Protein backbone atom coordinates (compact mmCIF):
# COMPACT_ATOMS: atom_id res chain seq x y z
CA UNK A 1 0.00 0.00 0.00
CA UNK A 2 1.34 3.41 -0.99
CA UNK A 3 0.03 6.59 0.64
CA UNK A 4 0.71 9.58 -1.61
CA UNK A 5 -0.03 13.25 -0.98
CA UNK A 6 0.33 14.23 -4.65
CA UNK A 7 -1.92 11.44 -5.96
CA UNK A 8 -4.03 12.64 -8.94
CA UNK A 9 -6.02 10.88 -11.65
CA UNK A 10 -2.93 11.20 -13.87
CA UNK A 11 -0.51 9.60 -11.39
CA UNK A 12 1.33 6.61 -12.85
CA UNK A 13 1.35 3.63 -10.51
CA UNK A 14 4.92 2.39 -10.89
CA UNK A 15 4.56 0.24 -7.76
CA UNK A 16 1.65 -1.81 -9.18
CA UNK A 17 -0.03 -1.90 -5.77
CA UNK A 18 -2.87 -0.15 -3.93
CA UNK A 19 -2.50 3.64 -3.67
CA UNK A 20 -4.45 5.93 -1.37
CA UNK A 21 -4.49 9.75 -1.33
CA UNK A 22 -3.24 11.25 1.93
CA UNK A 23 -3.49 14.70 3.40
CA UNK A 24 -1.12 16.17 5.95
CA UNK A 25 -2.06 18.30 8.95
CA UNK A 26 -0.99 21.94 8.75
CA UNK A 27 -0.67 24.28 11.70
CA UNK A 28 -2.80 27.42 11.64
CA UNK A 29 -1.04 30.78 11.28
CA UNK A 30 -4.16 32.82 12.02
CA UNK A 31 -3.71 36.15 13.76
CA UNK A 32 -6.52 38.68 13.93
CA UNK A 33 -5.50 41.73 11.89
CA UNK A 34 -7.21 44.39 9.80
CA UNK A 35 -7.83 43.20 6.24
CA UNK A 36 -6.24 46.18 4.51
CA UNK A 37 -4.74 44.39 1.50
CA UNK A 38 -7.15 43.56 -1.33
CA UNK A 39 -5.02 41.01 -3.21
CA UNK A 40 -1.79 39.31 -2.23
CA UNK A 41 0.62 36.72 -3.53
CA UNK A 42 3.82 35.61 -1.87
CA UNK A 43 5.72 32.76 -3.42
CA UNK A 44 9.02 31.48 -4.75
CA UNK A 45 9.97 30.37 -8.24
CA UNK A 46 10.09 26.67 -7.40
CA UNK A 47 8.96 25.80 -10.92
CA UNK A 48 9.20 27.66 -14.28
CA UNK A 49 5.42 27.43 -14.69
CA UNK A 50 5.08 30.15 -12.04
CA UNK A 51 6.90 32.69 -14.23
CA UNK A 52 3.92 33.33 -16.51
CA UNK A 53 1.64 33.61 -13.47
CA UNK A 54 3.99 36.15 -11.85
CA UNK A 55 3.98 38.20 -15.05
CA UNK A 56 0.18 38.06 -15.21
CA UNK A 57 -0.42 39.34 -11.68
CA UNK A 58 2.14 42.10 -12.15
CA UNK A 59 0.23 43.22 -15.25
CA UNK A 60 -3.08 43.05 -13.40
CA UNK A 61 -1.74 45.04 -10.46
CA UNK A 62 -0.93 47.89 -12.87
CA UNK A 63 -4.24 47.62 -14.69
CA UNK A 64 -6.36 47.29 -11.53
CA UNK A 65 -4.46 49.98 -9.66
CA UNK A 66 -7.50 51.07 -7.67
CA UNK A 67 -6.93 47.96 -5.55
CA UNK A 68 -4.25 47.52 -2.92
CA UNK A 69 -1.90 44.73 -4.01
CA UNK A 70 0.99 42.99 -2.30
CA UNK A 71 3.14 40.86 -4.61
CA UNK A 72 6.40 39.25 -3.51
CA UNK A 73 7.92 36.71 -5.90
CA UNK A 74 11.26 35.49 -4.59
CA UNK A 75 13.97 33.16 -5.93
CA UNK A 76 13.81 29.46 -5.19
CA UNK A 77 14.55 28.44 -1.57
CA UNK A 78 13.90 31.95 -0.25
CA UNK A 79 11.58 31.75 2.75
CA UNK A 80 10.11 34.59 4.84
CA UNK A 81 7.50 32.88 7.07
CA UNK A 82 7.02 35.79 9.50
CA UNK A 83 6.37 38.24 6.67
CA UNK A 84 4.08 35.72 4.95
CA UNK A 85 2.03 35.32 8.13
CA UNK A 86 1.55 39.09 8.46
CA UNK A 87 0.64 39.66 4.82
CA UNK A 88 -1.82 36.77 4.58
CA UNK A 89 -3.60 37.77 7.78
CA UNK A 90 -3.98 41.30 6.37
CA UNK A 91 -5.32 40.12 3.00
CA UNK A 92 -8.90 39.90 1.81
CA UNK A 93 -7.95 37.59 -1.06
CA UNK A 94 -4.76 35.56 -1.44
CA UNK A 95 -3.70 34.02 -4.74
CA UNK A 96 -2.09 30.65 -5.27
CA UNK A 97 -0.61 28.96 -8.32
CA UNK A 98 1.12 25.61 -8.61
CA UNK A 99 4.84 25.36 -8.05
CA UNK A 100 6.52 21.97 -7.84
CA UNK A 101 3.46 20.36 -6.27
CA UNK A 102 -0.31 20.49 -6.63
CA UNK A 103 -0.71 20.65 -2.87
CA UNK A 104 1.03 23.30 -0.84
CA UNK A 105 1.37 24.54 2.73
CA UNK A 106 0.29 27.94 1.41
CA UNK A 107 -3.21 26.68 0.57
CA UNK A 108 -4.00 25.59 4.12
CA UNK A 109 -2.21 28.46 5.82
CA UNK A 110 -4.24 30.94 3.77
CA UNK A 111 -7.47 29.15 4.62
CA UNK A 112 -6.59 29.16 8.31
CA UNK A 113 -6.28 32.97 8.26
CA UNK A 114 -9.89 33.65 7.27
CA UNK A 115 -8.55 34.89 3.95
CA UNK A 116 -10.39 34.02 0.73
CA UNK A 117 -8.38 31.69 -1.47
CA UNK A 118 -8.29 32.12 -5.26
CA UNK A 119 -6.47 29.41 -7.21
CA UNK A 120 -6.89 26.80 -9.96
CA UNK A 121 -9.04 23.78 -9.12
CA UNK A 122 -7.08 21.36 -6.94
CA UNK A 123 -6.05 18.18 -8.75
CA UNK A 124 -5.24 16.15 -5.61
CA UNK A 125 -7.57 13.22 -5.00
CA UNK A 126 -7.01 13.71 -1.26
CA UNK A 127 -9.44 16.66 -1.37
CA UNK A 128 -11.95 15.04 -3.71
CA UNK A 129 -15.49 14.06 -2.72
CA UNK A 130 -14.54 10.49 -1.78
CA UNK A 131 -11.80 11.48 0.66
CA UNK A 132 -11.45 14.83 2.43
CA UNK A 133 -13.47 17.21 0.25
CA UNK A 134 -12.33 20.82 0.16
CA UNK A 135 -14.26 23.22 -2.08
CA UNK A 136 -14.25 26.37 0.04
CA UNK A 137 -12.26 28.49 -2.39
CA UNK A 138 -12.80 30.29 -5.70
CA UNK A 139 -11.19 28.94 -8.85
CA UNK A 140 -9.67 30.45 -11.96
CA UNK A 141 -8.52 28.70 -15.13
CA UNK A 142 -5.09 27.08 -15.27
CA UNK A 143 -4.07 29.61 -17.93
CA UNK A 144 -5.37 32.43 -15.59
CA UNK A 145 -7.31 33.95 -18.50
CA UNK A 146 -10.28 34.70 -16.21
CA UNK A 147 -8.27 35.84 -13.17
CA UNK A 148 -9.22 39.51 -13.50
CA UNK A 149 -12.90 38.59 -13.78
CA UNK A 150 -12.72 36.38 -10.68
CA UNK A 151 -11.02 39.09 -8.60
CA UNK A 152 -13.76 41.57 -9.51
CA UNK A 153 -16.43 38.99 -8.71
CA UNK A 154 -15.00 38.21 -5.26
CA UNK A 155 -14.67 41.85 -4.26
CA UNK A 156 -18.18 42.82 -5.41
CA UNK A 157 -20.42 43.18 -2.37
CA UNK A 158 -17.67 41.57 -0.26
CA UNK A 159 -18.31 38.07 -1.63
CA UNK A 160 -14.82 37.11 -0.48
CA UNK A 161 -16.01 37.23 3.15
CA UNK A 162 -18.32 34.23 2.73
CA UNK A 163 -15.57 32.17 1.10
CA UNK A 164 -13.06 33.13 3.79
CA UNK A 165 -15.38 32.24 6.66
CA UNK A 166 -16.33 28.89 5.13
CA UNK A 167 -12.73 27.92 4.50
CA UNK A 168 -11.69 28.57 8.08
CA UNK A 169 -14.60 26.73 9.72
CA UNK A 170 -16.00 23.63 8.07
CA UNK A 171 -16.91 20.02 8.68
CA UNK A 172 -15.09 17.29 6.82
CA UNK A 173 -15.42 13.53 6.70
CA UNK A 174 -11.92 12.06 6.64
CA UNK A 175 -11.62 8.48 5.48
CA UNK A 176 -9.10 6.07 4.03
CA UNK A 177 -9.64 2.56 2.76
CA UNK A 178 -7.87 -0.20 0.89
CA UNK A 179 -9.23 -3.16 -1.04
CA UNK A 180 -7.34 -6.41 -1.56
CA UNK A 181 -8.20 -9.94 -2.64
CA UNK A 182 -9.78 -10.77 0.74
CA UNK A 183 -12.00 -7.71 0.99
CA UNK A 184 -11.46 -4.25 2.28
CA UNK A 185 -10.65 -2.35 5.45
CA UNK A 186 -11.64 1.22 6.14
CA UNK A 187 -11.98 3.77 8.91
CA UNK A 188 -13.65 7.17 8.94
CA UNK A 189 -13.74 9.99 11.42
CA UNK A 190 -15.96 13.07 11.32
CA UNK A 191 -14.30 16.10 12.80
CA UNK A 192 -15.35 19.68 13.40
CA UNK A 193 -12.69 22.30 14.05
CA UNK A 194 -12.57 26.09 14.25
CA UNK A 195 -9.64 26.19 11.89
CA UNK A 196 -9.07 24.22 8.72
CA UNK A 197 -5.47 23.56 9.75
CA UNK A 198 -6.78 21.08 12.33
CA UNK A 199 -9.62 19.38 10.49
CA UNK A 200 -7.43 16.50 9.43
CA UNK A 201 -6.45 15.51 13.00
CA UNK A 202 -6.65 12.81 14.10
CA UNK A 203 -5.98 10.80 10.98
CA UNK A 204 -6.23 7.08 10.44
CA UNK A 205 -3.53 5.24 8.60
CA UNK A 206 -3.96 1.77 7.24
CA UNK A 207 -0.96 -0.50 7.59
CA UNK A 208 -0.41 -4.25 7.24
CA UNK A 209 -0.03 -6.67 10.11
CA UNK A 210 3.49 -7.78 11.03
CA UNK A 211 3.22 -10.88 8.84
CA UNK A 212 1.86 -8.95 5.86
CA UNK A 213 1.85 -10.64 2.47
CA UNK A 214 -0.14 -10.11 -0.69
CA UNK A 215 -3.78 -10.88 0.01
CA UNK A 216 -3.50 -10.35 3.77
CA UNK A 217 -5.99 -8.30 5.74
CA UNK A 218 -4.98 -4.86 6.94
CA UNK A 219 -6.03 -2.93 10.00
CA UNK A 220 -6.64 0.73 10.85
CA UNK A 221 -4.54 2.56 13.34
CA UNK A 222 -5.28 5.98 14.84
CA UNK A 223 -2.35 8.40 14.69
CA UNK A 224 -1.82 12.00 15.77
């Protein structure tokens, strides 16, 4: 059994065994501050595909100059967590675009700050309907051709507030399961938390018994 955070419908199963999506718990960085920034993006150039996105938001910030923007695109491996925490907590809307991975700490940290999240639709199966569904964000196209339209939409009549509040407080059914030749084993836990950073705790991992072999039963184990 392979547990993979980046598992998508396009993932190639080189192991030729059962694969389950897995989410990781992320600590909240929420701090109550005035939301004085309309749009923000802080990120590093971990992948060349972020270059076009960085160019796009720079263009939009000049075109939509009636809004207050904060854009900080840094070189790879440059981290400023204290600054990121301050900026995100002060933002009405925070942008995200894929770097090296489809999942990112940034996604869950933004959501924990009662800040509306605007990003492409998540590809990870871990947040799909059958696992730990997360839909409390607004999407834009992968080529960001509708990004300007979505920003305007979210700011009209403060629509971003509803998205932000839902993303920080929600109820999620977390479950994992595996099927083998003898049947299946599964465990689910329904959790309610004030912050999305904690909704995935506790988690249940499925692991084989000590004498595991192909076709053996598996059991669920609670972990924190």
